[in-house]
Amino acid sequence: DIVELHDAERLEERFLEYPSLAVEQAGIAIRSMAKLAYEDMEDALQLFYEYSDEGFERVCELEDIIDTYEDKLSSYLVQLTKKSLNEAENKKTNLYLHSITDFERIGDHAKNLAESAKEIKQIIENVISLSNVTVDISNRVFERKMIAAHQEEYDRILAAEQSNGADPDAAKRESIVKLYDL
C-alpha cells in the first residue's frame, strides 16, 4: 500500500508563528520522507531479483510522493528561515534543507534503478525469445537434413532396384516413406 502524505500535511502555515513547533513538524515530515526514500530504494533493488510491473509502479509512485514531500518541505523550510529562529532551530532548519535534497535524489536514483531493472527484464525476454527461435530454426534445419539424407537413401535404393529389377530394401524404403510421408 502506498503511504499517504499525512506527515507532509503537518506543515501548516499557522505553525510558522511558533518556530520550535514548526521545526518539530518539519522533522516529523522529514523522517517520513527518509523512510519513503529507503523503502523506494529497497523496492527498486528488489526488482533486479524479482521483477514485476506492480513493483515498478510502486517505485514510481513512491518517487512521486517523495517529490511532493520535497516540494512541501522546501517551501515550508524557506518560509521558516525568514522567522526569528534560535541557533538550534536554525541549524536544524539548514540540516533539513540539505537532507530533503538528498532524500529526493535517493528517490530519483531508485526510479532510475527500477527503469534499469525493467530494461534488463526486457533484454532477457528478448534473448530468451531469440534463443527459442534459434532452437526452432536448428530443429528445422536438422529435420530437413535428415529428410534429405533419407531421400538420398531412398533414391539410391530405387536406382538399384530399377537397374537390376530386384527390390532388396523394399521394407526399408517403405519405413522411410511412412516416416516422412514422402
C-alpha atoms as a PDB file:
ATOM      1  CA  ASP A   1       0.000   0.000   0.000  1.00  0.00           C
ATOM      2  CA  ILE A   2       1.290   3.415  -0.929  1.00  0.00           C
ATOM      3  CA  VAL A   3       1.909   5.712   2.002  1.00  0.00           C
ATOM      4  CA  GLU A   4      -0.207   8.811   2.250  1.00  0.00           C
ATOM      5  CA  LEU A   5       1.202  12.303   2.608  1.00  0.00           C
ATOM      6  CA  HIS A   6      -0.218  12.663   6.108  1.00  0.00           C
ATOM      7  CA  ASP A   7       3.107  13.748   7.636  1.00  0.00           C
ATOM      8  CA  ALA A   8       3.634  16.381   4.927  1.00  0.00           C
ATOM      9  CA  GLU A   9       0.216  17.741   5.827  1.00  0.00           C
ATOM     10  CA  ARG A  10       1.591  18.605   9.271  1.00  0.00           C
ATOM     11  CA  LEU A  11       3.355  21.554   7.676  1.00  0.00           C
ATOM     12  CA  GLU A  12       0.702  24.133   8.384  1.00  0.00           C
ATOM     13  CA  GLU A  13       1.452  27.823   7.951  1.00  0.00           C
ATOM     14  CA  ARG A  14      -0.042  28.661  11.327  1.00  0.00           C
ATOM     15  CA  PHE A  15       2.836  26.742  12.975  1.00  0.00           C
ATOM     16  CA  LEU A  16       5.357  29.102  11.378  1.00  0.00           C
ATOM     17  CA  GLU A  17       4.455  31.639  14.072  1.00  0.00           C
ATOM     18  CA  TYR A  18       5.847  29.121  16.599  1.00  0.00           C
ATOM     19  CA  PRO A  19       9.258  28.202  15.169  1.00  0.00           C
ATOM     20  CA  SER A  20      10.056  25.402  17.633  1.00  0.00           C
ATOM     21  CA  LEU A  21       6.749  23.713  16.767  1.00  0.00           C
ATOM     22  CA  ALA A  22       7.294  24.317  13.046  1.00  0.00           C
ATOM     23  CA  VAL A  23      10.801  22.786  13.234  1.00  0.00           C
ATOM     24  CA  GLU A  24       9.402  19.796  15.114  1.00  0.00           C
ATOM     25  CA  GLN A  25       6.672  19.263  12.494  1.00  0.00           C
ATOM     26  CA  ALA A  26       9.242  19.575   9.709  1.00  0.00           C
ATOM     27  CA  GLY A  27      11.398  16.963  11.463  1.00  0.00           C
ATOM     28  CA  ILE A  28       8.485  14.519  11.574  1.00  0.00           C
ATOM     29  CA  ALA A  29       7.796  15.059   7.878  1.00  0.00           C
ATOM     30  CA  ILE A  30      11.492  14.640   7.001  1.00  0.00           C
ATOM     31  CA  ARG A  31      11.706  11.359   8.904  1.00  0.00           C
ATOM     32  CA  SER A  32       8.703  10.116   6.915  1.00  0.00           C
ATOM     33  CA  MET A  33      10.353  11.270   3.712  1.00  0.00           C
ATOM     34  CA  ALA A  34      13.578   9.461   4.676  1.00  0.00           C
ATOM     35  CA  LYS A  35      11.624   6.272   5.377  1.00  0.00           C
ATOM     36  CA  LEU A  36       9.923   6.522   1.985  1.00  0.00           C
ATOM     37  CA  ALA A  37      13.265   7.056   0.240  1.00  0.00           C
ATOM     38  CA  TYR A  38      14.659   3.970   1.992  1.00  0.00           C
ATOM     39  CA  GLU A  39      11.611   1.871   1.023  1.00  0.00           C
ATOM     40  CA  ASP A  40      11.790   3.175  -2.525  1.00  0.00           C
ATOM     41  CA  MET A  41      15.427   2.160  -2.863  1.00  0.00           C
ATOM     42  CA  GLU A  42      14.757  -1.271  -1.347  1.00  0.00           C
ATOM     43  CA  ASP A  43      11.855  -1.832  -3.726  1.00  0.00           C
ATOM     44  CA  ALA A  44      13.939  -0.728  -6.720  1.00  0.00           C
ATOM     45  CA  LEU A  45      16.797  -3.069  -5.834  1.00  0.00           C
ATOM     46  CA  GLN A  46      14.361  -5.941  -5.320  1.00  0.00           C
ATOM     47  CA  LEU A  47      13.258  -5.543  -8.939  1.00  0.00           C
ATOM     48  CA  PHE A  48      16.653  -6.855 -10.054  1.00  0.00           C
ATOM     49  CA  TYR A  49      15.935 -10.129  -8.263  1.00  0.00           C
ATOM     50  CA  GLU A  50      12.214 -10.444  -8.845  1.00  0.00           C
ATOM     51  CA  TYR A  51      10.841  -8.018 -11.393  1.00  0.00           C
ATOM     52  CA  SER A  52       7.140  -7.206 -11.501  1.00  0.00           C
ATOM     53  CA  ASP A  53       5.211  -4.412 -13.164  1.00  0.00           C
ATOM     54  CA  GLU A  54       3.460  -3.789  -9.836  1.00  0.00           C
ATOM     55  CA  GLY A  55       6.826  -3.357  -8.111  1.00  0.00           C
ATOM     56  CA  PHE A  56       7.939  -0.969 -10.820  1.00  0.00           C
ATOM     57  CA  GLU A  57       4.755   1.089 -10.416  1.00  0.00           C
ATOM     58  CA  ARG A  58       5.246   1.189  -6.632  1.00  0.00           C
ATOM     59  CA  VAL A  59       8.747   2.612  -7.057  1.00  0.00           C
ATOM     60  CA  CYS A  60       7.413   5.294  -9.417  1.00  0.00           C
ATOM     61  CA  GLU A  61       4.549   6.160  -7.059  1.00  0.00           C
ATOM     62  CA  LEU A  62       6.863   6.383  -4.046  1.00  0.00           C
ATOM     63  CA  GLU A  63       9.190   8.623  -6.020  1.00  0.00           C
ATOM     64  CA  ASP A  64       6.270  10.939  -6.832  1.00  0.00           C
ATOM     65  CA  ILE A  65       5.339  11.086  -3.144  1.00  0.00           C
ATOM     66  CA  ILE A  66       8.973  11.837  -2.238  1.00  0.00           C
ATOM     67  CA  ASP A  67       8.950  14.672  -4.796  1.00  0.00           C
ATOM     68  CA  THR A  68       5.797  16.046  -3.174  1.00  0.00           C
ATOM     69  CA  TYR A  69       7.439  15.907   0.250  1.00  0.00           C
ATOM     70  CA  GLU A  70      10.449  17.724  -1.176  1.00  0.00           C
ATOM     71  CA  ASP A  71       8.278  20.497  -2.647  1.00  0.00           C
ATOM     72  CA  LYS A  72       6.242  20.983   0.516  1.00  0.00           C
ATOM     73  CA  LEU A  73       9.201  20.796   2.878  1.00  0.00           C
ATOM     74  CA  SER A  74      11.376  23.132   0.796  1.00  0.00           C
ATOM     75  CA  SER A  75       8.662  25.757   0.674  1.00  0.00           C
ATOM     76  CA  TYR A  76       7.884  25.361   4.378  1.00  0.00           C
ATOM     77  CA  LEU A  77      11.518  25.493   5.488  1.00  0.00           C
ATOM     78  CA  VAL A  78      12.291  28.534   3.342  1.00  0.00           C
ATOM     79  CA  GLN A  79       9.374  30.319   4.991  1.00  0.00           C
ATOM     80  CA  LEU A  80      10.649  29.158   8.374  1.00  0.00           C
ATOM     81  CA  THR A  81      14.127  30.603   7.757  1.00  0.00           C
ATOM     82  CA  LYS A  82      12.522  34.042   7.473  1.00  0.00           C
ATOM     83  CA  LYS A  83      11.283  33.747  11.058  1.00  0.00           C
ATOM     84  CA  SER A  84      13.215  34.525  14.194  1.00  0.00           C
ATOM     85  CA  LEU A  85      14.950  31.227  14.987  1.00  0.00           C
ATOM     86  CA  ASN A  86      17.324  30.414  17.804  1.00  0.00           C
ATOM     87  CA  GLU A  87      20.677  28.823  16.965  1.00  0.00           C
ATOM     88  CA  ALA A  88      19.488  25.210  17.390  1.00  0.00           C
ATOM     89  CA  GLU A  89      16.391  25.800  15.275  1.00  0.00           C
ATOM     90  CA  ASN A  90      18.474  27.498  12.598  1.00  0.00           C
ATOM     91  CA  LYS A  91      20.924  24.547  12.488  1.00  0.00           C
ATOM     92  CA  LYS A  92      18.101  22.029  12.254  1.00  0.00           C
ATOM     93  CA  THR A  93      16.374  24.021   9.528  1.00  0.00           C
ATOM     94  CA  ASN A  94      19.578  24.195   7.447  1.00  0.00           C
ATOM     95  CA  LEU A  95      20.226  20.494   8.012  1.00  0.00           C
ATOM     96  CA  TYR A  96      16.666  19.707   6.942  1.00  0.00           C
ATOM     97  CA  LEU A  97      17.012  21.802   3.781  1.00  0.00           C
ATOM     98  CA  HIS A  98      20.107  19.816   2.759  1.00  0.00           C
ATOM     99  CA  SER A  99      18.590  16.487   3.804  1.00  0.00           C
ATOM    100  CA  ILE A 100      15.417  16.813   1.753  1.00  0.00           C
ATOM    101  CA  THR A 101      17.506  17.328  -1.379  1.00  0.00           C
ATOM    102  CA  ASP A 102      19.431  14.136  -0.596  1.00  0.00           C
ATOM    103  CA  PHE A 103      16.263  12.133   0.027  1.00  0.00           C
ATOM    104  CA  GLU A 104      14.743  13.435  -3.196  1.00  0.00           C
ATOM    105  CA  ARG A 105      17.889  12.299  -5.072  1.00  0.00           C
ATOM    106  CA  ILE A 106      17.581   8.853  -3.491  1.00  0.00           C
ATOM    107  CA  GLY A 107      14.032   8.676  -4.853  1.00  0.00           C
ATOM    108  CA  ASP A 108      15.297   9.692  -8.308  1.00  0.00           C
ATOM    109  CA  HIS A 109      18.035   7.049  -8.158  1.00  0.00           C
ATOM    110  CA  ALA A 110      15.501   4.417  -7.080  1.00  0.00           C
ATOM    111  CA  LYS A 111      13.338   5.257 -10.091  1.00  0.00           C
ATOM    112  CA  ASN A 112      16.388   5.099 -12.400  1.00  0.00           C
ATOM    113  CA  LEU A 113      17.304   1.694 -10.948  1.00  0.00           C
ATOM    114  CA  ALA A 114      13.735   0.466 -11.449  1.00  0.00           C
ATOM    115  CA  GLU A 115      13.885   1.590 -15.085  1.00  0.00           C
ATOM    116  CA  SER A 116      17.196  -0.273 -15.486  1.00  0.00           C
ATOM    117  CA  ALA A 117      15.667  -3.413 -13.966  1.00  0.00           C
ATOM    118  CA  LYS A 118      12.772  -3.125 -16.412  1.00  0.00           C
ATOM    119  CA  GLU A 119      15.171  -2.758 -19.350  1.00  0.00           C
ATOM    120  CA  ILE A 120      17.193  -5.777 -18.186  1.00  0.00           C
ATOM    121  CA  LYS A 121      13.995  -7.829 -17.916  1.00  0.00           C
ATOM    122  CA  GLN A 122      13.053  -6.845 -21.468  1.00  0.00           C
ATOM    123  CA  ILE A 123      16.539  -7.717 -22.753  1.00  0.00           C
ATOM    124  CA  ILE A 124      16.387 -11.121 -21.052  1.00  0.00           C
ATOM    125  CA  GLU A 125      12.942 -11.774 -22.533  1.00  0.00           C
ATOM    126  CA  ASN A 126      14.263 -10.828 -25.986  1.00  0.00           C
ATOM    127  CA  VAL A 127      17.290 -13.117 -25.592  1.00  0.00           C
ATOM    128  CA  ILE A 128      15.066 -15.996 -24.480  1.00  0.00           C
ATOM    129  CA  SER A 129      12.718 -15.361 -27.391  1.00  0.00           C
ATOM    130  CA  LEU A 130      15.651 -15.198 -29.818  1.00  0.00           C
ATOM    131  CA  SER A 131      17.096 -18.350 -28.275  1.00  0.00           C
ATOM    132  CA  ASN A 132      13.784 -20.157 -28.790  1.00  0.00           C
ATOM    133  CA  VAL A 133      13.711 -19.015 -32.414  1.00  0.00           C
ATOM    134  CA  THR A 134      17.297 -20.232 -32.879  1.00  0.00           C
ATOM    135  CA  VAL A 135      16.427 -23.645 -31.419  1.00  0.00           C
ATOM    136  CA  ASP A 136      13.373 -23.850 -33.675  1.00  0.00           C
ATOM    137  CA  ILE A 137      15.453 -22.984 -36.747  1.00  0.00           C
ATOM    138  CA  SER A 138      18.119 -25.519 -35.743  1.00  0.00           C
ATOM    139  CA  ASN A 139      15.459 -28.207 -35.352  1.00  0.00           C
ATOM    140  CA  ARG A 140      14.018 -27.423 -38.774  1.00  0.00           C
ATOM    141  CA  VAL A 141      17.461 -27.496 -40.408  1.00  0.00           C
ATOM    142  CA  PHE A 142      18.187 -30.837 -38.718  1.00  0.00           C
ATOM    143  CA  GLU A 143      14.853 -32.284 -39.854  1.00  0.00           C
ATOM    144  CA  ARG A 144      15.451 -31.147 -43.423  1.00  0.00           C
ATOM    145  CA  LYS A 145      18.938 -32.638 -43.448  1.00  0.00           C
ATOM    146  CA  MET A 146      17.555 -35.911 -42.121  1.00  0.00           C
ATOM    147  CA  ILE A 147      14.818 -35.911 -44.744  1.00  0.00           C
ATOM    148  CA  ALA A 148      17.396 -35.133 -47.436  1.00  0.00           C
ATOM    149  CA  ALA A 149      19.659 -37.937 -46.211  1.00  0.00           C
ATOM    150  CA  HIS A 150      16.783 -40.402 -46.204  1.00  0.00           C
ATOM    151  CA  GLN A 151      15.667 -39.159 -49.607  1.00  0.00           C
ATOM    152  CA  GLU A 152      19.159 -39.847 -50.958  1.00  0.00           C
ATOM    153  CA  GLU A 153      18.982 -43.341 -49.480  1.00  0.00           C
ATOM    154  CA  TYR A 154      15.539 -43.820 -50.992  1.00  0.00           C
ATOM    155  CA  ASP A 155      16.764 -42.598 -54.386  1.00  0.00           C
ATOM    156  CA  ARG A 156      19.781 -44.957 -54.197  1.00  0.00           C
ATOM    157  CA  ILE A 157      17.571 -47.925 -53.388  1.00  0.00           C
ATOM    158  CA  LEU A 158      15.154 -47.004 -56.158  1.00  0.00           C
ATOM    159  CA  ALA A 159      18.003 -46.633 -58.653  1.00  0.00           C
ATOM    160  CA  ALA A 160      19.436 -50.030 -57.673  1.00  0.00           C
ATOM    161  CA  GLU A 161      16.004 -51.578 -57.953  1.00  0.00           C
ATOM    162  CA  GLN A 162      15.459 -50.155 -61.402  1.00  0.00           C
ATOM    163  CA  SER A 163      18.907 -51.193 -62.656  1.00  0.00           C
ATOM    164  CA  ASN A 164      18.658 -54.897 -61.790  1.00  0.00           C
ATOM    165  CA  GLY A 165      14.947 -55.330 -61.258  1.00  0.00           C
ATOM    166  CA  ALA A 166      15.378 -56.564 -57.676  1.00  0.00           C
ATOM    167  CA  ASP A 167      13.947 -54.942 -54.582  1.00  0.00           C
ATOM    168  CA  PRO A 168      16.374 -55.857 -51.756  1.00  0.00           C
ATOM    169  CA  ASP A 169      15.447 -52.960 -49.455  1.00  0.00           C
ATOM    170  CA  ALA A 170      11.705 -52.657 -50.017  1.00  0.00           C
ATOM    171  CA  ALA A 171      10.917 -52.828 -46.285  1.00  0.00           C
ATOM    172  CA  LYS A 172      13.499 -50.141 -45.517  1.00  0.00           C
ATOM    173  CA  ARG A 173      12.123 -47.922 -48.253  1.00  0.00           C
ATOM    174  CA  GLU A 174       8.562 -48.365 -47.039  1.00  0.00           C
ATOM    175  CA  SER A 175       9.538 -47.355 -43.472  1.00  0.00           C
ATOM    176  CA  ILE A 176      11.277 -44.227 -44.776  1.00  0.00           C
ATOM    177  CA  VAL A 177       8.244 -43.314 -46.903  1.00  0.00           C
ATOM    178  CA  LYS A 178       5.889 -43.787 -43.937  1.00  0.00           C
ATOM    179  CA  LEU A 179       8.193 -41.937 -41.508  1.00  0.00           C
ATOM    180  CA  TYR A 180       8.381 -38.785 -43.618  1.00  0.00           C
ATOM    181  CA  ASP A 181       5.162 -39.040 -45.594  1.00  0.00           C
ATOM    182  CA  LEU A 182       7.088 -38.986 -48.887  1.00  0.00           C
END
